[in-house]
Amino acid sequence: MPQMMPINCNFSFIFFIMIFMIFNIMNYFIFNYKNINYNNNINKKSMKNNLFWKW
């Protein structure tokens, strides 16, 4: 029904934002987990210089 279109657009926009935020949060935790595993035996000064992203 056409009169319901703004609610549907708003809901889909909010849904897209939530999916995007979940993706960013999971990417952040994957990045942290890899950094913790990689920099286990390295001092903290080199941790700032060696940022290895998954791509």
PDB file of N, CA and C in Angstrom:
ATOM      1  N   MET A   1       0.842  -1.187   0.000  1.00  0.00           N
ATOM      2  CA  MET A   1       0.000   0.000   0.000  1.00  0.00           C
ATOM      3  C   MET A   1       0.883   1.246   0.000  1.00  0.00           C
ATOM      4  N   PRO A   2       0.573   2.230  -0.807  1.00  0.00           N
ATOM      5  CA  PRO A   2       1.489   3.382  -0.951  1.00  0.00           C
ATOM      6  C   PRO A   2       1.607   4.235   0.307  1.00  0.00           C
ATOM      7  N   GLN A   3       0.564   4.292   1.120  1.00  0.00           N
ATOM      8  CA  GLN A   3       0.644   5.156   2.300  1.00  0.00           C
ATOM      9  C   GLN A   3       1.587   4.592   3.366  1.00  0.00           C
ATOM     10  N   MET A   4       2.006   3.343   3.213  1.00  0.00           N
ATOM     11  CA  MET A   4       2.939   2.757   4.170  1.00  0.00           C
ATOM     12  C   MET A   4       4.394   2.895   3.713  1.00  0.00           C
ATOM     13  N   MET A   5       4.623   3.560   2.614  1.00  0.00           N
ATOM     14  CA  MET A   5       5.975   3.595   2.054  1.00  0.00           C
ATOM     15  C   MET A   5       6.992   4.315   2.937  1.00  0.00           C
ATOM     16  N   PRO A   6       6.721   5.438   3.601  1.00  0.00           N
ATOM     17  CA  PRO A   6       7.758   6.057   4.446  1.00  0.00           C
ATOM     18  C   PRO A   6       8.198   5.163   5.601  1.00  0.00           C
ATOM     19  N   ILE A   7       7.266   4.422   6.176  1.00  0.00           N
ATOM     20  CA  ILE A   7       7.637   3.513   7.259  1.00  0.00           C
ATOM     21  C   ILE A   7       8.557   2.415   6.712  1.00  0.00           C
ATOM     22  N   ASN A   8       8.248   1.912   5.545  1.00  0.00           N
ATOM     23  CA  ASN A   8       9.082   0.866   4.965  1.00  0.00           C
ATOM     24  C   ASN A   8      10.471   1.401   4.608  1.00  0.00           C
ATOM     25  N   CYS A   9      10.538   2.600   4.091  1.00  0.00           N
ATOM     26  CA  CYS A   9      11.840   3.186   3.756  1.00  0.00           C
ATOM     27  C   CYS A   9      12.666   3.425   5.019  1.00  0.00           C
ATOM     28  N   ASN A  10      12.034   3.930   6.038  1.00  0.00           N
ATOM     29  CA  ASN A  10      12.767   4.175   7.284  1.00  0.00           C
ATOM     30  C   ASN A  10      13.242   2.877   7.904  1.00  0.00           C
ATOM     31  N   PHE A  11      12.392   1.878   7.880  1.00  0.00           N
ATOM     32  CA  PHE A  11      12.785   0.593   8.456  1.00  0.00           C
ATOM     33  C   PHE A  11      13.943  -0.029   7.674  1.00  0.00           C
ATOM     34  N   SER A  12      13.880   0.042   6.352  1.00  0.00           N
ATOM     35  CA  SER A  12      14.970  -0.532   5.561  1.00  0.00           C
ATOM     36  C   SER A  12      16.268   0.245   5.762  1.00  0.00           C
ATOM     37  N   PHE A  13      16.169   1.562   5.914  1.00  0.00           N
ATOM     38  CA  PHE A  13      17.367   2.360   6.177  1.00  0.00           C
ATOM     39  C   PHE A  13      17.979   1.995   7.533  1.00  0.00           C
ATOM     40  N   ILE A  14      17.145   1.862   8.556  1.00  0.00           N
ATOM     41  CA  ILE A  14      17.636   1.477   9.884  1.00  0.00           C
ATOM     42  C   ILE A  14      18.235   0.072   9.844  1.00  0.00           C
ATOM     43  N   PHE A  15      17.598  -0.816   9.101  1.00  0.00           N
ATOM     44  CA  PHE A  15      18.116  -2.177   8.967  1.00  0.00           C
ATOM     45  C   PHE A  15      19.494  -2.168   8.293  1.00  0.00           C
ATOM     46  N   PHE A  16      19.643  -1.368   7.245  1.00  0.00           N
ATOM     47  CA  PHE A  16      20.933  -1.262   6.570  1.00  0.00           C
ATOM     48  C   PHE A  16      22.004  -0.702   7.501  1.00  0.00           C
ATOM     49  N   ILE A  17      21.669   0.315   8.283  1.00  0.00           N
ATOM     50  CA  ILE A  17      22.630   0.897   9.224  1.00  0.00           C
ATOM     51  C   ILE A  17      23.048  -0.133  10.269  1.00  0.00           C
ATOM     52  N   MET A  18      22.096  -0.922  10.740  1.00  0.00           N
ATOM     53  CA  MET A  18      22.441  -1.942  11.743  1.00  0.00           C
ATOM     54  C   MET A  18      23.348  -3.017  11.157  1.00  0.00           C
ATOM     55  N   ILE A  19      23.080  -3.439   9.926  1.00  0.00           N
ATOM     56  CA  ILE A  19      23.951  -4.426   9.276  1.00  0.00           C
ATOM     57  C   ILE A  19      25.354  -3.857   9.082  1.00  0.00           C
ATOM     58  N   PHE A  20      25.429  -2.603   8.673  1.00  0.00           N
ATOM     59  CA  PHE A  20      26.726  -1.962   8.482  1.00  0.00           C
ATOM     60  C   PHE A  20      27.498  -1.868   9.796  1.00  0.00           C
ATOM     61  N   MET A  21      26.817  -1.522  10.883  1.00  0.00           N
ATOM     62  CA  MET A  21      27.481  -1.442  12.184  1.00  0.00           C
ATOM     63  C   MET A  21      27.943  -2.816  12.664  1.00  0.00           C
ATOM     64  N   ILE A  22      27.149  -3.844  12.433  1.00  0.00           N
ATOM     65  CA  ILE A  22      27.555  -5.196  12.823  1.00  0.00           C
ATOM     66  C   ILE A  22      28.788  -5.620  12.027  1.00  0.00           C
ATOM     67  N   PHE A  23      28.808  -5.309  10.733  1.00  0.00           N
ATOM     68  CA  PHE A  23      29.975  -5.639   9.926  1.00  0.00           C
ATOM     69  C   PHE A  23      31.225  -4.932  10.446  1.00  0.00           C
ATOM     70  N   ASN A  24      31.096  -3.653  10.798  1.00  0.00           N
ATOM     71  CA  ASN A  24      32.257  -2.915  11.292  1.00  0.00           C
ATOM     72  C   ASN A  24      32.735  -3.437  12.637  1.00  0.00           C
ATOM     73  N   ILE A  25      31.804  -3.798  13.499  1.00  0.00           N
ATOM     74  CA  ILE A  25      32.191  -4.340  14.802  1.00  0.00           C
ATOM     75  C   ILE A  25      32.914  -5.672  14.628  1.00  0.00           C
ATOM     76  N   MET A  26      32.406  -6.539  13.760  1.00  0.00           N
ATOM     77  CA  MET A  26      33.064  -7.829  13.557  1.00  0.00           C
ATOM     78  C   MET A  26      34.438  -7.641  12.907  1.00  0.00           C
ATOM     79  N   ASN A  27      34.540  -6.683  12.006  1.00  0.00           N
ATOM     80  CA  ASN A  27      35.827  -6.405  11.385  1.00  0.00           C
ATOM     81  C   ASN A  27      36.831  -5.889  12.421  1.00  0.00           C
ATOM     82  N   TYR A  28      36.367  -5.058  13.331  1.00  0.00           N
ATOM     83  CA  TYR A  28      37.231  -4.546  14.387  1.00  0.00           C
ATOM     84  C   TYR A  28      37.733  -5.676  15.283  1.00  0.00           C
ATOM     85  N   PHE A  29      36.861  -6.619  15.622  1.00  0.00           N
ATOM     86  CA  PHE A  29      37.297  -7.703  16.490  1.00  0.00           C
ATOM     87  C   PHE A  29      38.212  -8.683  15.769  1.00  0.00           C
ATOM     88  N   ILE A  30      37.985  -8.909  14.482  1.00  0.00           N
ATOM     89  CA  ILE A  30      38.912  -9.749  13.708  1.00  0.00           C
ATOM     90  C   ILE A  30      40.283  -9.082  13.655  1.00  0.00           C
ATOM     91  N   PHE A  31      40.303  -7.764  13.442  1.00  0.00           N
ATOM     92  CA  PHE A  31      41.558  -7.020  13.399  1.00  0.00           C
ATOM     93  C   PHE A  31      42.281  -7.090  14.738  1.00  0.00           C
ATOM     94  N   ASN A  32      41.551  -6.941  15.852  1.00  0.00           N
ATOM     95  CA  ASN A  32      42.174  -7.006  17.169  1.00  0.00           C
ATOM     96  C   ASN A  32      42.701  -8.396  17.471  1.00  0.00           C
ATOM     97  N   TYR A  33      41.955  -9.421  17.101  1.00  0.00           N
ATOM     98  CA  TYR A  33      42.383 -10.789  17.368  1.00  0.00           C
ATOM     99  C   TYR A  33      43.657 -11.120  16.594  1.00  0.00           C
ATOM    100  N   LYS A  34      43.724 -10.689  15.347  1.00  0.00           N
ATOM    101  CA  LYS A  34      44.936 -10.939  14.571  1.00  0.00           C
ATOM    102  C   LYS A  34      46.113 -10.148  15.130  1.00  0.00           C
ATOM    103  N   ASN A  35      45.862  -8.922  15.582  1.00  0.00           N
ATOM    104  CA  ASN A  35      46.943  -8.125  16.141  1.00  0.00           C
ATOM    105  C   ASN A  35      47.452  -8.719  17.444  1.00  0.00           C
ATOM    106  N   ILE A  36      46.562  -9.211  18.277  1.00  0.00           N
ATOM    107  CA  ILE A  36      46.982  -9.820  19.542  1.00  0.00           C
ATOM    108  C   ILE A  36      47.811 -11.073  19.261  1.00  0.00           C
ATOM    109  N   ASN A  37      47.379 -11.881  18.284  1.00  0.00           N
ATOM    110  CA  ASN A  37      48.129 -13.089  17.963  1.00  0.00           C
ATOM    111  C   ASN A  37      49.475 -12.754  17.325  1.00  0.00           C
ATOM    112  N   TYR A  38      49.493 -11.734  16.496  1.00  0.00           N
ATOM    113  CA  TYR A  38      50.739 -11.411  15.804  1.00  0.00           C
ATOM    114  C   TYR A  38      51.743 -10.767  16.755  1.00  0.00           C
ATOM    115  N   ASN A  39      51.266  -9.873  17.614  1.00  0.00           N
ATOM    116  CA  ASN A  39      52.163  -9.101  18.465  1.00  0.00           C
ATOM    117  C   ASN A  39      52.301  -9.699  19.860  1.00  0.00           C
ATOM    118  N   ASN A  40      52.217 -11.007  19.946  1.00  0.00           N
ATOM    119  CA  ASN A  40      52.344 -11.641  21.251  1.00  0.00           C
ATOM    120  C   ASN A  40      53.763 -11.490  21.799  1.00  0.00           C
ATOM    121  N   ASN A  41      54.750 -11.658  20.939  1.00  0.00           N
ATOM    122  CA  ASN A  41      56.136 -11.650  21.390  1.00  0.00           C
ATOM    123  C   ASN A  41      56.879 -10.381  20.975  1.00  0.00           C
ATOM    124  N   ILE A  42      56.142  -9.363  20.602  1.00  0.00           N
ATOM    125  CA  ILE A  42      56.759  -8.121  20.127  1.00  0.00           C
ATOM    126  C   ILE A  42      56.396  -7.015  21.104  1.00  0.00           C
ATOM    127  N   ASN A  43      57.310  -6.092  21.299  1.00  0.00           N
ATOM    128  CA  ASN A  43      57.021  -5.014  22.254  1.00  0.00           C
ATOM    129  C   ASN A  43      55.934  -4.086  21.730  1.00  0.00           C
ATOM    130  N   LYS A  44      55.430  -3.204  22.597  1.00  0.00           N
ATOM    131  CA  LYS A  44      54.252  -2.414  22.254  1.00  0.00           C
ATOM    132  C   LYS A  44      54.569  -1.255  21.319  1.00  0.00           C
ATOM    133  N   LYS A  45      55.834  -0.880  21.172  1.00  0.00           N
ATOM    134  CA  LYS A  45      56.158   0.204  20.243  1.00  0.00           C
ATOM    135  C   LYS A  45      55.973  -0.245  18.799  1.00  0.00           C
ATOM    136  N   SER A  46      56.313  -1.486  18.498  1.00  0.00           N
ATOM    137  CA  SER A  46      56.151  -1.953  17.123  1.00  0.00           C
ATOM    138  C   SER A  46      54.715  -2.329  16.821  1.00  0.00           C
ATOM    139  N   MET A  47      53.869  -2.446  17.855  1.00  0.00           N
ATOM    140  CA  MET A  47      52.468  -2.765  17.603  1.00  0.00           C
ATOM    141  C   MET A  47      51.777  -1.626  16.859  1.00  0.00           C
ATOM    142  N   LYS A  48      52.201  -0.385  17.109  1.00  0.00           N
ATOM    143  CA  LYS A  48      51.573   0.747  16.441  1.00  0.00           C
ATOM    144  C   LYS A  48      51.993   0.831  14.975  1.00  0.00           C
ATOM    145  N   ASN A  49      53.133   0.280  14.634  1.00  0.00           N
ATOM    146  CA  ASN A  49      53.632   0.399  13.268  1.00  0.00           C
ATOM    147  C   ASN A  49      53.233  -0.770  12.380  1.00  0.00           C
ATOM    148  N   ASN A  50      52.864  -1.903  12.967  1.00  0.00           N
ATOM    149  CA  ASN A  50      52.545  -3.089  12.178  1.00  0.00           C
ATOM    150  C   ASN A  50      51.047  -3.348  12.225  1.00  0.00           C
ATOM    151  N   LEU A  51      50.319  -2.662  11.368  1.00  0.00           N
ATOM    152  CA  LEU A  51      48.876  -2.870  11.291  1.00  0.00           C
ATOM    153  C   LEU A  51      48.596  -3.757  10.089  1.00  0.00           C
ATOM    154  N   PHE A  52      48.284  -5.009  10.335  1.00  0.00           N
ATOM    155  CA  PHE A  52      48.026  -5.957   9.261  1.00  0.00           C
ATOM    156  C   PHE A  52      46.534  -6.195   9.158  1.00  0.00           C
ATOM    157  N   TRP A  53      45.891  -5.548   8.202  1.00  0.00           N
ATOM    158  CA  TRP A  53      44.468  -5.761   7.981  1.00  0.00           C
ATOM    159  C   TRP A  53      44.270  -7.066   7.234  1.00  0.00           C
ATOM    160  N   LYS A  54      43.079  -7.606   7.312  1.00  0.00           N
ATOM    161  CA  LYS A  54      42.842  -8.915   6.717  1.00  0.00           C
ATOM    162  C   LYS A  54      42.784  -8.869   5.203  1.00  0.00           C
ATOM    163  N   TRP A  55      42.665  -7.687   4.599  1.00  0.00           N
ATOM    164  CA  TRP A  55      42.728  -7.611   3.158  1.00  0.00           C
ATOM    165  C   TRP A  55      44.040  -6.949   2.767  1.00  0.00           C
TER     166      TRP A  55
END
